[in-house]
Amino acid sequence: MYTYKRGIVCQKVVFCTLLANIILVLLKGLAGCQAGSDALMADAFHSGGDVLASLAILLCFRVASRPPDRCHHFGHGKVEFLATALVSLLLLYIAYELVMTTMGKIRGMEIISVPGSLALWVSLLCLLLKEAMYRFTVYFGRKMGSPALIADAWHHRSDAIFLGGVFIGTGAARAGYPLMDPLVGQGIAVLIGIMAVRLARQALQGLLDSAPDANRISDVASIIEKVGGVKEIHRLRGRYSGSVIFMEAKVGVAAELSVLEGHAIARDIKEAIQEKIPEIADITVHINPVKQHNINVPAGDNATLYRS
């Protein structure tokens, strides 16, 4: 239920930014034609690509929010990391295209035209709109714990940075410094490339079953320790699948308890954790007698051995 409701919220956010991108395509295209701005016309085509990217991310959220089925027992959450990888590749392409375009202008291979004043003010308006889209998307991305939504937010931020370059370059060109436009573009390309690499790294970590951070593991341990009948926590480990977490716990209880009593403790642990941390989709609890101390503990900061 958590995954489904969260997926609905994320889809609504992407749909809102999709409509905003369509408005930007029309606004930039009309203003670029009127003002004779090649940069604004190029950015209008770029915003057209943003519309297609938003549609792809929207589709990813629809798939990721599906419940587990016969072929995918742990759900479809990893599709979100594929969406993050898609955004990172798109940003890399934008950075490459910007480098090639600006290098051509710097080398004198292209004639640098001076655009009209309309391009200056439209680029500023679009910059403010893109920054608002970033803040709107990143807010819900962090609230929902969605890596794909946060990646899409940084895509909006990269567009805002690009538009900032258009604004500076257009203003400098009108002030008599046309070479500033491609020089600013080079710096923007580097910033966009850095964003792309960071998002690609995040996507790779998610696809490789990255573990929850130490604070989240500690929170789960604190909940388990408060459950009646728990004597020790022998092992805790987990992995992300999209924005949800699957965990495993080995818990020590009194050796004289019956199987039924041990099962009741395991059930209480699961209910307590999922009530307080809804992003944990499932936790498998293994019951050990407290006299069993020789437990193999995996290496790593997040695979922590807890003993009472």
Protein backbone atom coordinates (compact mmCIF):
# COMPACT_ATOMS: atom_id res chain seq x y z
CA MET A 1 0.00 0.00 0.00
CA TYR A 2 2.89 2.37 0.83
CA THR A 3 4.48 1.73 -2.58
CA TYR A 4 1.18 2.20 -4.43
CA LYS A 5 0.24 5.48 -2.69
CA ARG A 6 3.77 6.80 -3.09
CA GLY A 7 3.72 5.88 -6.77
CA ILE A 8 0.50 7.85 -7.29
CA VAL A 9 2.03 10.96 -5.67
CA CYS A 10 5.19 10.67 -7.78
CA GLN A 11 3.16 10.26 -10.98
CA LYS A 12 1.17 13.41 -10.19
CA VAL A 13 4.38 15.37 -9.63
CA VAL A 14 5.87 14.20 -12.95
CA PHE A 15 2.60 14.96 -14.75
CA CYS A 16 2.64 18.54 -13.42
CA THR A 17 6.21 19.08 -14.63
CA LEU A 18 5.30 17.46 -17.95
CA LEU A 19 2.62 20.13 -18.50
CA ALA A 20 5.12 22.84 -17.51
CA ASN A 21 7.64 21.52 -20.05
CA ILE A 22 5.01 21.66 -22.80
CA ILE A 23 4.36 25.32 -21.92
CA LEU A 24 8.12 25.98 -22.02
CA VAL A 25 8.43 24.44 -25.50
CA LEU A 26 5.78 26.81 -26.85
CA LEU A 27 7.12 29.85 -24.99
CA LYS A 28 10.76 29.34 -26.03
CA GLY A 29 9.88 28.45 -29.60
CA LEU A 30 7.70 31.51 -30.18
CA ALA A 31 10.12 33.87 -28.44
CA GLY A 32 13.12 32.39 -30.26
CA CYS A 33 11.48 32.93 -33.64
CA GLN A 34 10.40 36.47 -32.76
CA ALA A 35 13.76 37.55 -31.27
CA GLY A 36 15.98 35.66 -33.71
CA SER A 37 17.73 33.78 -30.90
CA ASP A 38 19.41 30.53 -31.98
CA ALA A 39 20.13 29.67 -28.33
CA LEU A 40 16.48 30.00 -27.35
CA MET A 41 15.33 27.98 -30.37
CA ALA A 42 17.83 25.25 -29.52
CA ASP A 43 16.61 25.26 -25.93
CA ALA A 44 13.03 24.91 -27.18
CA PHE A 45 14.02 21.66 -28.92
CA HIS A 46 15.80 20.65 -25.71
CA SER A 47 12.56 21.22 -23.78
CA GLY A 48 10.85 18.99 -26.34
CA GLY A 49 13.30 16.29 -25.28
CA ASP A 50 12.37 17.03 -21.66
CA VAL A 51 8.75 16.25 -22.51
CA LEU A 52 9.79 12.83 -23.84
CA ALA A 53 11.99 12.24 -20.77
CA SER A 54 9.09 13.12 -18.46
CA LEU A 55 6.86 10.64 -20.30
CA ALA A 56 9.51 7.94 -19.85
CA ILE A 57 9.85 8.69 -16.11
CA LEU A 58 6.06 8.69 -15.76
CA LEU A 59 5.98 5.22 -17.32
CA CYS A 60 8.74 4.06 -14.95
CA PHE A 61 6.72 5.17 -11.93
CA ARG A 62 3.66 3.32 -13.20
CA VAL A 63 5.72 0.13 -13.46
CA ALA A 64 7.59 0.67 -10.15
CA SER A 65 4.35 1.11 -8.18
CA ARG A 66 2.95 -2.24 -9.29
CA PRO A 67 2.63 -4.86 -6.53
CA PRO A 68 4.75 -8.05 -6.53
CA ASP A 69 3.64 -10.72 -9.00
CA ARG A 70 4.55 -14.28 -10.01
CA CYS A 71 7.62 -13.15 -11.96
CA HIS A 72 8.78 -10.37 -9.59
CA HIS A 73 8.41 -11.53 -5.99
CA PHE A 74 10.08 -8.43 -4.56
CA GLY A 75 8.12 -5.93 -6.64
CA HIS A 76 9.30 -3.58 -9.38
CA GLY A 77 11.04 -0.89 -7.33
CA LYS A 78 14.37 -1.13 -9.17
CA VAL A 79 12.73 0.41 -12.23
CA GLU A 80 13.22 3.74 -10.42
CA PHE A 81 16.98 3.30 -10.63
CA LEU A 82 16.64 2.64 -14.36
CA ALA A 83 14.78 5.95 -14.63
CA THR A 84 17.63 7.62 -12.71
CA ALA A 85 20.15 6.11 -15.14
CA LEU A 86 18.04 7.37 -18.06
CA VAL A 87 18.14 10.93 -16.69
CA SER A 88 21.92 10.73 -16.14
CA LEU A 89 22.45 9.63 -19.76
CA LEU A 90 20.24 12.46 -20.97
CA LEU A 91 22.29 14.96 -18.96
CA LEU A 92 25.55 13.56 -20.35
CA TYR A 93 24.20 13.99 -23.87
CA ILE A 94 23.15 17.58 -23.11
CA ALA A 95 26.64 18.34 -21.75
CA TYR A 96 28.30 16.81 -24.82
CA GLU A 97 26.03 18.70 -27.22
CA LEU A 98 26.67 21.97 -25.39
CA VAL A 99 30.45 21.47 -25.49
CA MET A 100 30.44 20.77 -29.23
CA THR A 101 28.19 23.74 -29.99
CA THR A 102 30.16 26.24 -27.91
CA MET A 103 33.54 24.95 -29.17
CA GLY A 104 32.40 25.60 -32.72
CA LYS A 105 31.54 29.19 -31.85
CA ILE A 106 34.82 29.77 -29.98
CA ARG A 107 36.86 28.50 -32.94
CA GLY A 108 35.00 30.81 -35.30
CA MET A 109 33.27 28.00 -37.16
CA GLU A 110 29.89 29.62 -36.61
CA ILE A 111 28.71 33.20 -36.85
CA ILE A 112 27.67 34.53 -33.47
CA SER A 113 24.48 36.55 -33.93
CA VAL A 114 23.15 39.15 -31.51
CA PRO A 115 19.60 38.24 -30.42
CA GLY A 116 16.79 40.67 -29.63
CA SER A 117 15.89 41.82 -26.12
CA LEU A 118 12.85 39.52 -26.03
CA ALA A 119 15.19 36.51 -25.81
CA LEU A 120 16.81 38.04 -22.74
CA TRP A 121 13.58 38.38 -20.76
CA VAL A 122 12.05 35.10 -21.92
CA SER A 123 15.20 33.21 -20.86
CA LEU A 124 14.94 34.84 -17.41
CA LEU A 125 11.25 33.90 -17.12
CA CYS A 126 11.97 30.30 -18.16
CA LEU A 127 14.88 30.15 -15.71
CA LEU A 128 12.59 31.10 -12.83
CA LEU A 129 10.00 28.57 -13.93
CA LYS A 130 12.60 25.79 -14.20
CA GLU A 131 13.98 26.61 -10.75
CA ALA A 132 10.43 26.44 -9.35
CA MET A 133 10.02 23.03 -11.05
CA TYR A 134 13.27 21.88 -9.42
CA ARG A 135 12.17 22.94 -5.93
CA PHE A 136 8.72 21.42 -6.39
CA THR A 137 10.08 18.09 -7.65
CA VAL A 138 12.97 17.76 -5.19
CA TYR A 139 10.62 18.48 -2.27
CA PHE A 140 8.38 15.55 -3.15
CA GLY A 141 11.37 13.43 -4.18
CA ARG A 142 12.87 13.74 -0.70
CA LYS A 143 9.51 13.39 1.02
CA MET A 144 8.70 10.19 -0.91
CA GLY A 145 12.30 8.93 -0.83
CA SER A 146 12.29 8.56 -4.62
CA PRO A 147 15.69 8.45 -6.38
CA ALA A 148 14.05 8.84 -9.81
CA LEU A 149 12.10 11.93 -8.74
CA ILE A 150 15.22 13.50 -7.22
CA ALA A 151 17.10 12.75 -10.45
CA ASP A 152 14.33 14.41 -12.46
CA ALA A 153 14.56 17.42 -10.12
CA TRP A 154 18.29 17.76 -10.86
CA HIS A 155 17.45 17.58 -14.54
CA HIS A 156 15.23 20.65 -14.02
CA ARG A 157 18.08 22.33 -12.12
CA SER A 158 20.48 21.64 -15.01
CA ASP A 159 17.98 23.29 -17.37
CA ALA A 160 17.81 26.30 -15.03
CA ILE A 161 21.61 26.56 -15.08
CA PHE A 162 21.57 26.30 -18.88
CA LEU A 163 18.98 29.08 -19.09
CA GLY A 164 21.12 31.16 -16.74
CA GLY A 165 23.90 30.79 -19.28
CA VAL A 166 21.55 31.81 -22.08
CA PHE A 167 20.55 34.89 -20.07
CA ILE A 168 24.17 35.88 -19.34
CA GLY A 169 25.34 35.12 -22.85
CA THR A 170 22.46 37.02 -24.45
CA GLY A 171 23.03 40.02 -22.20
CA ALA A 172 26.78 40.00 -22.91
CA ALA A 173 26.19 39.69 -26.66
CA ARG A 174 23.85 42.69 -26.60
CA ALA A 175 26.46 44.60 -24.57
CA GLY A 176 29.10 43.98 -27.24
CA TYR A 177 30.77 40.80 -25.93
CA PRO A 178 29.38 37.99 -28.12
CA LEU A 179 32.14 35.55 -27.16
CA MET A 180 30.84 35.39 -23.59
CA ASP A 181 27.93 33.23 -24.73
CA PRO A 182 30.02 30.17 -25.74
CA LEU A 183 32.47 30.64 -22.84
CA VAL A 184 29.64 30.55 -20.32
CA GLY A 185 28.25 27.53 -22.16
CA GLN A 186 31.52 25.64 -21.60
CA GLY A 187 31.28 26.17 -17.84
CA ILE A 188 27.64 25.09 -17.80
CA ALA A 189 28.51 21.91 -19.70
CA VAL A 190 31.03 20.96 -17.00
CA LEU A 191 28.43 21.48 -14.24
CA ILE A 192 25.83 19.40 -16.08
CA GLY A 193 28.40 16.64 -16.67
CA ILE A 194 29.19 16.50 -12.93
CA MET A 195 25.46 16.18 -12.13
CA ALA A 196 25.16 13.36 -14.65
CA VAL A 197 28.05 11.39 -13.14
CA ARG A 198 26.61 11.74 -9.61
CA LEU A 199 23.20 10.50 -10.73
CA ALA A 200 24.76 7.60 -12.65
CA ARG A 201 26.65 6.58 -9.52
CA GLN A 202 23.44 6.69 -7.47
CA ALA A 203 21.63 4.55 -10.07
CA LEU A 204 24.46 2.01 -10.09
CA GLN A 205 24.45 1.73 -6.30
CA GLY A 206 20.71 1.11 -6.32
CA LEU A 207 20.94 -1.58 -8.99
CA LEU A 208 23.67 -3.28 -6.93
CA ASP A 209 21.43 -3.57 -3.83
CA SER A 210 22.97 -0.80 -1.75
CA ALA A 211 22.41 -1.11 2.01
CA PRO A 212 20.47 1.38 4.15
CA ASP A 213 22.65 3.83 6.05
CA ALA A 214 23.85 3.10 9.58
CA ASN A 215 21.25 5.42 11.14
CA ARG A 216 18.38 3.50 9.54
CA ILE A 217 19.86 0.18 10.72
CA SER A 218 20.18 1.64 14.23
CA ASP A 219 16.53 2.80 14.17
CA VAL A 220 15.37 -0.71 13.27
CA ALA A 221 17.54 -2.22 16.02
CA SER A 222 16.01 0.14 18.58
CA ILE A 223 12.51 -0.94 17.58
CA ILE A 224 13.39 -4.63 17.79
CA GLU A 225 14.97 -4.26 21.24
CA LYS A 226 11.67 -2.89 22.62
CA VAL A 227 9.62 -5.89 21.47
CA GLY A 228 8.72 -8.20 24.32
CA GLY A 229 10.60 -11.50 24.38
CA VAL A 230 13.66 -10.27 22.44
CA LYS A 231 16.89 -11.06 24.31
CA GLU A 232 19.52 -10.34 21.64
CA ILE A 233 19.89 -9.10 18.08
CA HIS A 234 22.46 -11.23 16.30
CA ARG A 235 22.34 -9.71 12.82
CA LEU A 236 20.59 -7.00 10.81
CA ARG A 237 20.99 -6.31 7.14
CA GLY A 238 18.95 -4.75 4.36
CA ARG A 239 18.90 -3.62 0.75
CA TYR A 240 17.10 -0.99 -1.26
CA SER A 241 14.70 -1.87 -4.06
CA GLY A 242 13.76 1.50 -5.51
CA SER A 243 12.61 3.60 -2.56
CA VAL A 244 11.60 0.66 -0.35
CA ILE A 245 13.81 -1.51 1.86
CA PHE A 246 13.86 -5.27 2.37
CA MET A 247 15.50 -6.42 5.61
CA GLU A 248 16.62 -9.58 7.38
CA ALA A 249 17.05 -9.97 11.15
CA LYS A 250 18.39 -12.75 13.34
CA VAL A 251 16.95 -12.38 16.82
CA GLY A 252 17.76 -14.29 20.00
CA VAL A 253 14.91 -15.39 22.31
CA ALA A 254 14.74 -17.61 25.37
CA ALA A 255 15.63 -21.19 24.38
CA GLU A 256 12.69 -22.73 26.27
CA LEU A 257 10.04 -20.89 24.20
CA SER A 258 7.82 -22.93 21.89
CA VAL A 259 7.76 -22.51 18.12
CA LEU A 260 4.40 -20.79 18.40
CA GLU A 261 5.74 -18.30 20.95
CA GLY A 262 8.81 -17.60 18.81
CA HIS A 263 6.59 -17.03 15.78
CA ALA A 264 4.48 -14.54 17.77
CA ILE A 265 7.62 -12.56 18.66
CA ALA A 266 8.70 -12.50 15.00
CA ARG A 267 5.25 -11.26 14.01
CA ASP A 268 5.37 -8.51 16.65
CA ILE A 269 8.79 -7.40 15.38
CA LYS A 270 7.57 -7.14 11.80
CA GLU A 271 4.41 -5.23 12.74
CA ALA A 272 6.30 -2.79 14.98
CA ILE A 273 8.91 -2.01 12.31
CA GLN A 274 6.45 -1.55 9.45
CA GLU A 275 4.22 0.64 11.58
CA LYS A 276 7.04 3.04 12.47
CA ILE A 277 9.10 2.82 9.23
CA PRO A 278 6.62 2.29 6.36
CA GLU A 279 9.36 2.41 3.71
CA ILE A 280 10.46 -1.05 4.90
CA ALA A 281 8.37 -3.21 2.57
CA ASP A 282 9.22 -6.48 4.33
CA ILE A 283 11.49 -7.91 7.02
CA THR A 284 12.34 -11.58 7.42
CA VAL A 285 12.89 -12.51 11.07
CA HIS A 286 14.90 -15.60 11.99
CA ILE A 287 14.58 -16.77 15.62
CA ASN A 288 17.69 -18.09 17.41
CA PRO A 289 17.97 -19.49 20.95
CA VAL A 290 20.03 -17.13 23.12
CA LYS A 291 22.69 -19.79 23.78
CA GLN A 292 23.67 -19.79 20.07
CA HIS A 293 26.48 -17.20 19.83
CA ASN A 294 28.53 -18.41 16.88
CA ILE A 295 26.81 -16.36 14.21
CA ASN A 296 28.56 -15.43 10.99
CA VAL A 297 28.43 -11.65 10.64
CA PRO A 298 28.91 -10.04 7.17
CA ALA A 299 31.58 -7.37 6.84
CA GLY A 300 30.71 -3.74 6.32
CA ASP A 301 29.63 -0.67 8.25
CA ASN A 302 25.90 -1.39 7.85
CA ALA A 303 26.01 -5.10 8.75
CA THR A 304 26.15 -4.62 12.52
CA LEU A 305 26.23 -7.22 15.26
CA TYR A 306 24.05 -6.30 18.23
CA ARG A 307 24.30 -8.12 21.56
CA SER A 308 22.58 -7.39 24.85
